[in-house]
Amino acid sequence: MGAEGVRMKLEYYRHSRARMFQNDFLEFASNIHPVTPFVVYIPLVIGVLTYGLVHGLTRWAAVVVFFPLGWVAWDLAEYGIHRWWFHWEGNGPFTRKLYDIIHGYHHKYPDDPLRLVMPLGASIPLALLIGGALYLVGAPALTIPGFAGFVSGYLFYDFTHWSTHARSPRSAWGKAIRGHHMAHHFADPEKNFGISHRWIDAVVGTLRRRDQRDTEPDPRAAA
């Protein structure tokens, strides 16, 4: 692990939060209730699929195939964004500040309840960009269910990330995925970039299985 990874691993404050922006509007916009993405995007997924099916732009056979493929595309995007964008710490004052806003704050204050899902200011432009690109492809029979699967995968990611930080899992899968993410936070930030899954980490060699040494620290302690 590099020196920066060690620094990021140690500099955290459990069960606390801090101000991210001096500007009141930006500070307000950076906070998001965890239910918000579901209120916004579940109607979008249902509406897009319903419109496509009712108007004959796509068919159920295409949904069965391309909805899961869209979900897998999100898994790949989730891993890539987390590994190569969120964990790029910058090479100057501006990019370093950008890193702190995008992801560094979350590693420093991992339990902030209002910053556990992606704010709409980030997710809406991403949805518009991807939706617009798929529209330009001009194959709605494939892209409509693919887009719906992609957005559904994103919602599952948001739910999983919130759940791993905000509640105690009861299922074996929930405990495993929580251990996977907690090892990323408190053992090695250069491993376990998948949030809602572990399969990509296993395939590309960035999987760290949590052992007894990777215990969560005393909530009262901070580096």
C-alpha atoms as a PDB file:
ATOM      1  CA  MET A   1       0.000   0.000   0.000  1.00  0.00           C
ATOM      2  CA  GLY A   2       1.287   3.464  -0.875  1.00  0.00           C
ATOM      3  CA  ALA A   3       1.793   6.278   1.598  1.00  0.00           C
ATOM      4  CA  GLU A   4      -1.385   8.008   0.423  1.00  0.00           C
ATOM      5  CA  GLY A   5      -3.395   4.827   1.032  1.00  0.00           C
ATOM      6  CA  VAL A   6      -2.042   4.637   4.592  1.00  0.00           C
ATOM      7  CA  ARG A   7      -2.957   8.269   5.222  1.00  0.00           C
ATOM      8  CA  MET A   8      -6.473   7.797   3.930  1.00  0.00           C
ATOM      9  CA  LYS A   9      -6.956   4.657   5.994  1.00  0.00           C
ATOM     10  CA  LEU A  10      -6.041   6.381   9.242  1.00  0.00           C
ATOM     11  CA  GLU A  11      -7.719   9.766   8.886  1.00  0.00           C
ATOM     12  CA  TYR A  12     -11.331   9.110   9.801  1.00  0.00           C
ATOM     13  CA  TYR A  13     -13.863  10.092  12.460  1.00  0.00           C
ATOM     14  CA  ARG A  14     -16.581   7.598  13.356  1.00  0.00           C
ATOM     15  CA  HIS A  15     -20.215   8.544  13.934  1.00  0.00           C
ATOM     16  CA  SER A  16     -19.691  12.235  13.207  1.00  0.00           C
ATOM     17  CA  ARG A  17     -20.073  14.715  10.367  1.00  0.00           C
ATOM     18  CA  ALA A  18     -18.646  18.067   9.303  1.00  0.00           C
ATOM     19  CA  ARG A  19     -19.362  20.923   6.964  1.00  0.00           C
ATOM     20  CA  MET A  20     -18.100  20.370   3.428  1.00  0.00           C
ATOM     21  CA  PHE A  21     -18.744  23.807   1.863  1.00  0.00           C
ATOM     22  CA  GLN A  22     -18.651  27.341   3.205  1.00  0.00           C
ATOM     23  CA  ASN A  23     -21.378  28.308   0.734  1.00  0.00           C
ATOM     24  CA  ASP A  24     -24.779  27.585   2.301  1.00  0.00           C
ATOM     25  CA  PHE A  25     -26.434  26.501  -0.958  1.00  0.00           C
ATOM     26  CA  LEU A  26     -23.647  24.082  -1.877  1.00  0.00           C
ATOM     27  CA  GLU A  27     -23.648  22.711   1.648  1.00  0.00           C
ATOM     28  CA  PHE A  28     -27.405  22.163   1.462  1.00  0.00           C
ATOM     29  CA  ALA A  29     -27.141  20.523  -1.989  1.00  0.00           C
ATOM     30  CA  SER A  30     -24.399  18.157  -0.818  1.00  0.00           C
ATOM     31  CA  ASN A  31     -26.720  16.621   1.777  1.00  0.00           C
ATOM     32  CA  ILE A  32     -29.268  14.074   0.595  1.00  0.00           C
ATOM     33  CA  HIS A  33     -31.774  11.921   2.425  1.00  0.00           C
ATOM     34  CA  PRO A  34     -31.125   8.266   1.506  1.00  0.00           C
ATOM     35  CA  VAL A  35     -34.670   7.760   0.217  1.00  0.00           C
ATOM     36  CA  THR A  36     -34.360  10.545  -2.381  1.00  0.00           C
ATOM     37  CA  PRO A  37     -32.770   8.561  -5.262  1.00  0.00           C
ATOM     38  CA  PHE A  38     -35.522   5.947  -5.023  1.00  0.00           C
ATOM     39  CA  VAL A  39     -38.272   8.572  -5.104  1.00  0.00           C
ATOM     40  CA  VAL A  40     -36.703  10.075  -8.232  1.00  0.00           C
ATOM     41  CA  TYR A  41     -35.474   7.062 -10.200  1.00  0.00           C
ATOM     42  CA  ILE A  42     -37.957   4.245  -9.517  1.00  0.00           C
ATOM     43  CA  PRO A  43     -40.710   6.184 -11.371  1.00  0.00           C
ATOM     44  CA  LEU A  44     -38.173   6.862 -14.138  1.00  0.00           C
ATOM     45  CA  VAL A  45     -37.385   3.153 -14.581  1.00  0.00           C
ATOM     46  CA  ILE A  46     -41.062   2.152 -14.523  1.00  0.00           C
ATOM     47  CA  GLY A  47     -42.030   5.017 -16.820  1.00  0.00           C
ATOM     48  CA  VAL A  48     -39.318   4.317 -19.411  1.00  0.00           C
ATOM     49  CA  LEU A  49     -40.097   0.593 -19.555  1.00  0.00           C
ATOM     50  CA  THR A  50     -43.864   1.155 -19.645  1.00  0.00           C
ATOM     51  CA  TYR A  51     -43.589   3.748 -22.414  1.00  0.00           C
ATOM     52  CA  GLY A  52     -41.351   1.507 -24.479  1.00  0.00           C
ATOM     53  CA  LEU A  53     -43.591  -1.549 -24.105  1.00  0.00           C
ATOM     54  CA  VAL A  54     -46.907   0.260 -24.627  1.00  0.00           C
ATOM     55  CA  HIS A  55     -45.688   2.049 -27.754  1.00  0.00           C
ATOM     56  CA  GLY A  56     -44.003  -1.019 -29.209  1.00  0.00           C
ATOM     57  CA  LEU A  57     -40.497   0.399 -28.980  1.00  0.00           C
ATOM     58  CA  THR A  58     -39.282  -2.688 -27.148  1.00  0.00           C
ATOM     59  CA  ARG A  59     -40.631  -6.119 -26.200  1.00  0.00           C
ATOM     60  CA  TRP A  60     -40.566  -8.312 -23.113  1.00  0.00           C
ATOM     61  CA  ALA A  61     -38.089 -10.667 -24.766  1.00  0.00           C
ATOM     62  CA  ALA A  62     -35.651  -7.764 -25.149  1.00  0.00           C
ATOM     63  CA  VAL A  63     -36.290  -6.676 -21.537  1.00  0.00           C
ATOM     64  CA  VAL A  64     -35.405 -10.165 -20.284  1.00  0.00           C
ATOM     65  CA  VAL A  65     -32.041  -9.982 -22.063  1.00  0.00           C
ATOM     66  CA  PHE A  66     -31.010  -6.335 -21.986  1.00  0.00           C
ATOM     67  CA  PHE A  67     -32.251  -5.315 -18.532  1.00  0.00           C
ATOM     68  CA  PRO A  68     -29.697  -7.661 -16.871  1.00  0.00           C
ATOM     69  CA  LEU A  69     -27.019  -6.534 -19.331  1.00  0.00           C
ATOM     70  CA  GLY A  70     -27.707  -2.927 -18.357  1.00  0.00           C
ATOM     71  CA  TRP A  71     -27.339  -3.906 -14.700  1.00  0.00           C
ATOM     72  CA  VAL A  72     -23.971  -5.562 -15.424  1.00  0.00           C
ATOM     73  CA  ALA A  73     -22.922  -2.403 -17.273  1.00  0.00           C
ATOM     74  CA  TRP A  74     -23.650  -0.478 -14.074  1.00  0.00           C
ATOM     75  CA  ASP A  75     -21.536  -2.939 -12.052  1.00  0.00           C
ATOM     76  CA  LEU A  76     -18.611  -2.224 -14.385  1.00  0.00           C
ATOM     77  CA  ALA A  77     -19.228   1.528 -14.192  1.00  0.00           C
ATOM     78  CA  GLU A  78     -19.507   1.382 -10.387  1.00  0.00           C
ATOM     79  CA  TYR A  79     -16.148  -0.348 -10.096  1.00  0.00           C
ATOM     80  CA  GLY A  80     -14.430   1.936 -12.606  1.00  0.00           C
ATOM     81  CA  ILE A  81     -15.818   5.173 -11.151  1.00  0.00           C
ATOM     82  CA  HIS A  82     -14.898   4.171  -7.615  1.00  0.00           C
ATOM     83  CA  ARG A  83     -11.416   2.935  -8.446  1.00  0.00           C
ATOM     84  CA  TRP A  84     -10.183   5.440 -11.031  1.00  0.00           C
ATOM     85  CA  TRP A  85     -12.252   8.569 -10.396  1.00  0.00           C
ATOM     86  CA  PHE A  86     -13.217   8.582  -6.722  1.00  0.00           C
ATOM     87  CA  HIS A  87      -9.762   7.404  -5.657  1.00  0.00           C
ATOM     88  CA  TRP A  88      -7.750   9.718  -7.875  1.00  0.00           C
ATOM     89  CA  GLU A  89      -6.420  12.058  -5.203  1.00  0.00           C
ATOM     90  CA  GLY A  90      -5.233  14.792  -7.543  1.00  0.00           C
ATOM     91  CA  ASN A  91      -1.876  16.404  -8.206  1.00  0.00           C
ATOM     92  CA  GLY A  92      -2.470  19.989  -7.122  1.00  0.00           C
ATOM     93  CA  PRO A  93      -4.572  22.186  -4.794  1.00  0.00           C
ATOM     94  CA  PHE A  94      -7.636  22.261  -7.053  1.00  0.00           C
ATOM     95  CA  THR A  95      -7.711  18.565  -7.902  1.00  0.00           C
ATOM     96  CA  ARG A  96      -6.935  17.665  -4.307  1.00  0.00           C
ATOM     97  CA  LYS A  97      -9.911  19.745  -3.165  1.00  0.00           C
ATOM     98  CA  LEU A  98     -12.040  18.089  -5.843  1.00  0.00           C
ATOM     99  CA  TYR A  99     -11.039  14.668  -4.509  1.00  0.00           C
ATOM    100  CA  ASP A 100     -11.955  15.725  -0.971  1.00  0.00           C
ATOM    101  CA  ILE A 101     -15.422  16.792  -2.150  1.00  0.00           C
ATOM    102  CA  ILE A 102     -16.087  13.776  -4.370  1.00  0.00           C
ATOM    103  CA  HIS A 103     -14.853  11.008  -2.087  1.00  0.00           C
ATOM    104  CA  GLY A 104     -12.253  12.058   0.470  1.00  0.00           C
ATOM    105  CA  TYR A 105     -14.921  13.425   2.817  1.00  0.00           C
ATOM    106  CA  HIS A 106     -16.697  10.071   2.848  1.00  0.00           C
ATOM    107  CA  HIS A 107     -13.534   8.248   3.886  1.00  0.00           C
ATOM    108  CA  LYS A 108     -12.909  10.823   6.601  1.00  0.00           C
ATOM    109  CA  TYR A 109     -16.524  10.813   7.873  1.00  0.00           C
ATOM    110  CA  PRO A 110     -17.815   7.383   6.797  1.00  0.00           C
ATOM    111  CA  ASP A 111     -20.940   7.488   8.976  1.00  0.00           C
ATOM    112  CA  ASP A 112     -22.423  10.841   7.869  1.00  0.00           C
ATOM    113  CA  PRO A 113     -26.078   9.805   7.356  1.00  0.00           C
ATOM    114  CA  LEU A 114     -26.790  12.526   4.770  1.00  0.00           C
ATOM    115  CA  ARG A 115     -23.869  11.670   2.487  1.00  0.00           C
ATOM    116  CA  LEU A 116     -24.285   7.926   1.977  1.00  0.00           C
ATOM    117  CA  VAL A 117     -26.030   8.044  -1.420  1.00  0.00           C
ATOM    118  CA  MET A 118     -25.141  10.014  -4.531  1.00  0.00           C
ATOM    119  CA  PRO A 119     -26.563  13.569  -4.522  1.00  0.00           C
ATOM    120  CA  LEU A 120     -28.923  14.462  -7.339  1.00  0.00           C
ATOM    121  CA  GLY A 121     -26.483  17.098  -8.575  1.00  0.00           C
ATOM    122  CA  ALA A 122     -24.172  14.236  -9.555  1.00  0.00           C
ATOM    123  CA  SER A 123     -26.605  11.473 -10.527  1.00  0.00           C
ATOM    124  CA  ILE A 124     -28.955  13.520 -12.742  1.00  0.00           C
ATOM    125  CA  PRO A 125     -26.218  14.786 -15.122  1.00  0.00           C
ATOM    126  CA  LEU A 126     -24.856  11.228 -15.335  1.00  0.00           C
ATOM    127  CA  ALA A 127     -28.326   9.842 -16.121  1.00  0.00           C
ATOM    128  CA  LEU A 128     -28.904  12.528 -18.766  1.00  0.00           C
ATOM    129  CA  LEU A 129     -25.519  11.893 -20.351  1.00  0.00           C
ATOM    130  CA  ILE A 130     -25.991   8.130 -20.565  1.00  0.00           C
ATOM    131  CA  GLY A 131     -29.664   8.363 -21.551  1.00  0.00           C
ATOM    132  CA  GLY A 132     -28.838  10.900 -24.260  1.00  0.00           C
ATOM    133  CA  ALA A 133     -26.022   8.752 -25.629  1.00  0.00           C
ATOM    134  CA  LEU A 134     -28.289   5.701 -25.780  1.00  0.00           C
ATOM    135  CA  TYR A 135     -30.996   7.760 -27.495  1.00  0.00           C
ATOM    136  CA  LEU A 136     -28.510   8.741 -30.191  1.00  0.00           C
ATOM    137  CA  VAL A 137     -27.674   5.081 -30.764  1.00  0.00           C
ATOM    138  CA  GLY A 138     -31.175   4.737 -32.194  1.00  0.00           C
ATOM    139  CA  ALA A 139     -31.991   1.177 -31.116  1.00  0.00           C
ATOM    140  CA  PRO A 140     -34.782   1.624 -28.527  1.00  0.00           C
ATOM    141  CA  ALA A 141     -35.678  -2.074 -28.479  1.00  0.00           C
ATOM    142  CA  LEU A 142     -32.295  -2.682 -26.852  1.00  0.00           C
ATOM    143  CA  THR A 143     -31.389   0.622 -25.215  1.00  0.00           C
ATOM    144  CA  ILE A 144     -34.642   1.206 -23.325  1.00  0.00           C
ATOM    145  CA  PRO A 145     -34.389  -1.988 -21.227  1.00  0.00           C
ATOM    146  CA  GLY A 146     -30.614  -1.545 -21.052  1.00  0.00           C
ATOM    147  CA  PHE A 147     -31.007   1.950 -19.619  1.00  0.00           C
ATOM    148  CA  ALA A 148     -33.644   0.741 -17.150  1.00  0.00           C
ATOM    149  CA  GLY A 149     -31.290  -2.024 -16.002  1.00  0.00           C
ATOM    150  CA  PHE A 150     -28.406   0.428 -15.670  1.00  0.00           C
ATOM    151  CA  VAL A 151     -30.438   2.790 -13.483  1.00  0.00           C
ATOM    152  CA  SER A 152     -31.775  -0.121 -11.422  1.00  0.00           C
ATOM    153  CA  GLY A 153     -28.214  -1.307 -10.826  1.00  0.00           C
ATOM    154  CA  TYR A 154     -27.347   2.201  -9.674  1.00  0.00           C
ATOM    155  CA  LEU A 155     -30.261   2.192  -7.223  1.00  0.00           C
ATOM    156  CA  PHE A 156     -29.134  -1.151  -5.841  1.00  0.00           C
ATOM    157  CA  TYR A 157     -25.655   0.339  -5.387  1.00  0.00           C
ATOM    158  CA  ASP A 158     -27.067   3.323  -3.493  1.00  0.00           C
ATOM    159  CA  PHE A 159     -29.171   1.054  -1.285  1.00  0.00           C
ATOM    160  CA  THR A 160     -26.273  -1.305  -0.611  1.00  0.00           C
ATOM    161  CA  HIS A 161     -23.886   1.525   0.254  1.00  0.00           C
ATOM    162  CA  TRP A 162     -26.401   3.129   2.605  1.00  0.00           C
ATOM    163  CA  SER A 163     -27.196  -0.237   4.173  1.00  0.00           C
ATOM    164  CA  THR A 164     -23.563  -1.203   4.820  1.00  0.00           C
ATOM    165  CA  HIS A 165     -23.005   2.028   6.746  1.00  0.00           C
ATOM    166  CA  ALA A 166     -26.385   2.641   8.394  1.00  0.00           C
ATOM    167  CA  ARG A 167     -27.713  -0.719   9.522  1.00  0.00           C
ATOM    168  CA  SER A 168     -26.618  -4.111  10.786  1.00  0.00           C
ATOM    169  CA  PRO A 169     -27.110  -6.807   8.129  1.00  0.00           C
ATOM    170  CA  ARG A 170     -29.032  -9.962   8.976  1.00  0.00           C
ATOM    171  CA  SER A 171     -28.411 -12.155   5.933  1.00  0.00           C
ATOM    172  CA  ALA A 172     -25.163 -13.942   5.156  1.00  0.00           C
ATOM    173  CA  TRP A 173     -24.858 -11.963   1.921  1.00  0.00           C
ATOM    174  CA  GLY A 174     -25.428  -8.683   3.749  1.00  0.00           C
ATOM    175  CA  LYS A 175     -22.760  -9.495   6.320  1.00  0.00           C
ATOM    176  CA  ALA A 176     -20.321 -10.495   3.594  1.00  0.00           C
ATOM    177  CA  ILE A 177     -20.874  -7.361   1.504  1.00  0.00           C
ATOM    178  CA  ARG A 178     -20.615  -5.162   4.609  1.00  0.00           C
ATOM    179  CA  GLY A 179     -17.332  -6.808   5.595  1.00  0.00           C
ATOM    180  CA  HIS A 180     -16.134  -6.297   2.022  1.00  0.00           C
ATOM    181  CA  HIS A 181     -16.814  -2.556   2.173  1.00  0.00           C
ATOM    182  CA  MET A 182     -15.600  -2.053   5.731  1.00  0.00           C
ATOM    183  CA  ALA A 183     -12.288  -3.642   4.759  1.00  0.00           C
ATOM    184  CA  HIS A 184     -12.052  -0.990   2.024  1.00  0.00           C
ATOM    185  CA  HIS A 185     -12.581   1.752   4.604  1.00  0.00           C
ATOM    186  CA  PHE A 186     -10.558   0.496   7.549  1.00  0.00           C
ATOM    187  CA  ALA A 187      -8.027  -2.025   6.228  1.00  0.00           C
ATOM    188  CA  ASP A 188      -6.959  -1.186   2.662  1.00  0.00           C
ATOM    189  CA  PRO A 189      -8.537   1.621   0.563  1.00  0.00           C
ATOM    190  CA  GLU A 190      -6.734   0.240  -2.498  1.00  0.00           C
ATOM    191  CA  LYS A 191      -8.822  -2.944  -2.444  1.00  0.00           C
ATOM    192  CA  ASN A 192     -12.533  -3.821  -2.639  1.00  0.00           C
ATOM    193  CA  PHE A 193     -13.769  -1.125  -5.022  1.00  0.00           C
ATOM    194  CA  GLY A 194     -17.062  -2.881  -5.677  1.00  0.00           C
ATOM    195  CA  ILE A 195     -19.843  -1.677  -3.381  1.00  0.00           C
ATOM    196  CA  SER A 196     -22.913  -3.657  -4.433  1.00  0.00           C
ATOM    197  CA  HIS A 197     -20.889  -6.655  -5.594  1.00  0.00           C
ATOM    198  CA  ARG A 198     -17.557  -8.428  -5.147  1.00  0.00           C
ATOM    199  CA  TRP A 199     -17.213 -10.291  -8.425  1.00  0.00           C
ATOM    200  CA  ILE A 200     -15.236  -7.645 -10.326  1.00  0.00           C
ATOM    201  CA  ASP A 201     -12.708  -7.329  -7.480  1.00  0.00           C
ATOM    202  CA  ALA A 202     -12.323 -11.109  -7.585  1.00  0.00           C
ATOM    203  CA  VAL A 203     -11.849 -11.161 -11.365  1.00  0.00           C
ATOM    204  CA  VAL A 204      -9.307  -8.321 -11.607  1.00  0.00           C
ATOM    205  CA  GLY A 205      -7.362  -9.087  -8.421  1.00  0.00           C
ATOM    206  CA  THR A 206      -8.389  -6.231  -6.115  1.00  0.00           C
ATOM    207  CA  LEU A 207     -10.322  -8.405  -3.667  1.00  0.00           C
ATOM    208  CA  ARG A 208      -9.299  -8.355  -0.008  1.00  0.00           C
ATOM    209  CA  ARG A 209     -11.075 -10.779   2.238  1.00  0.00           C
ATOM    210  CA  ARG A 210     -11.592  -9.314   5.681  1.00  0.00           C
ATOM    211  CA  ASP A 211      -9.782 -11.144   8.471  1.00  0.00           C
ATOM    212  CA  GLN A 212      -9.731 -10.709  12.233  1.00  0.00           C
ATOM    213  CA  ARG A 213      -7.092  -8.002  12.010  1.00  0.00           C
ATOM    214  CA  ASP A 214      -9.441  -5.848   9.935  1.00  0.00           C
ATOM    215  CA  THR A 215     -11.654  -4.962  12.866  1.00  0.00           C
ATOM    216  CA  GLU A 216     -13.499  -1.677  12.945  1.00  0.00           C
ATOM    217  CA  PRO A 217     -11.750   0.791  15.245  1.00  0.00           C
ATOM    218  CA  ASP A 218     -13.064   2.239  18.464  1.00  0.00           C
ATOM    219  CA  PRO A 219     -15.713   4.835  17.414  1.00  0.00           C
ATOM    220  CA  ARG A 220     -14.169   7.304  19.883  1.00  0.00           C
ATOM    221  CA  ALA A 221     -10.775   7.108  18.233  1.00  0.00           C
ATOM    222  CA  ALA A 222      -9.577   9.261  15.369  1.00  0.00           C
ATOM    223  CA  ALA A 223      -6.202   9.651  13.764  1.00  0.00           C
END
